[in-house]
């Protein structure tokens, strides 16, 4: 890391610490159905608890435009409390908490968050003495709190954010080679910058999903899937070609499913490539909510070396863009 200070360097003993955490997890019928992102935050929280810090967790779930109970963090606070074995007070107002660890209700319930309102961030800052960003996945679209709190309070990177940046920066600067990038999915406009940048860094870039029909550039390092199943999955010849490329890899970075993952008929490509990636023995980093969900369902997620919690943030980082949440922490200085 460059000048981004780690929470491990901070004097947090007995202080009030505001932690921007990755709380955007799937909830159904009032229950968290996948707590992977919450678990990624535990390292920072447990470190702070060991220093007798009082913790205020900050984050969002979904994209509410106003206060909306469907996007309340109540079930998320309950699940985090279970993981920690502690009661977590959910704060519906910006006021001092009464418990050792609390969680401010969905930060997007306040209009000031999306408006880049420094006055709103000042109000939130009154809850703590120190600010920690531990949420890589939102660092490419920083709202008021993530953007202004580092200018108001002493600020640090949390352990999860630090790990994300270290893992991904290694891909860009000193990967063990051959380095293979697998970029797939449906949104060419978000993937194209990453494809172009990774083609300068990786030995091969494998392109699948809907991108196979949209990517038209002539680049010898880019291998585009060339046969398909119903226009919704890569075909057997492309799977074989990709497997041949993957076989000798030392490092693999992967973002995006190879087919229409919501339909079980079209997960053959993703499953085949996942098994080839694991069989290669390469050091592997994957990201993107859909990719993570499919590998989780296949029972293969535990065989991946690093699972990035930031889909869009990961793509922008790999495209060489500066992420706002990292800029304000001094990472690019």
Foldseek 3Di string as FASTA:
>chain_A
DALFAAPVPDLQQAWEEEEAAELAADDDPLAGPDCVRLVLQVVQVVVNVVSLYQYEYAYFYDQDQADDPVGWCVNSQVVNCVVVVHHEAEADDLDADDDSHYYYIHPNNDNQFAVLHLVVLVSNPVRTQEYEYADLQCLQPGTNNLQRVVVVHVYHYYPNRVVLCVVLVCQVPPFDPQEEEEEEAADCVLQVLLVVLVLVRHQAYEYAALVLVVDDDDRVRYHRQDDADVSFAGDPVSLVVLLVVLQQGQEYEYEHQRGDLVDVVHNVSVVSNLVSNLVSVHQYEYEDPSSCVSCVVVVNNVSHNYYDDHRSSSSCVSSVHDGSSVVSSVNVD
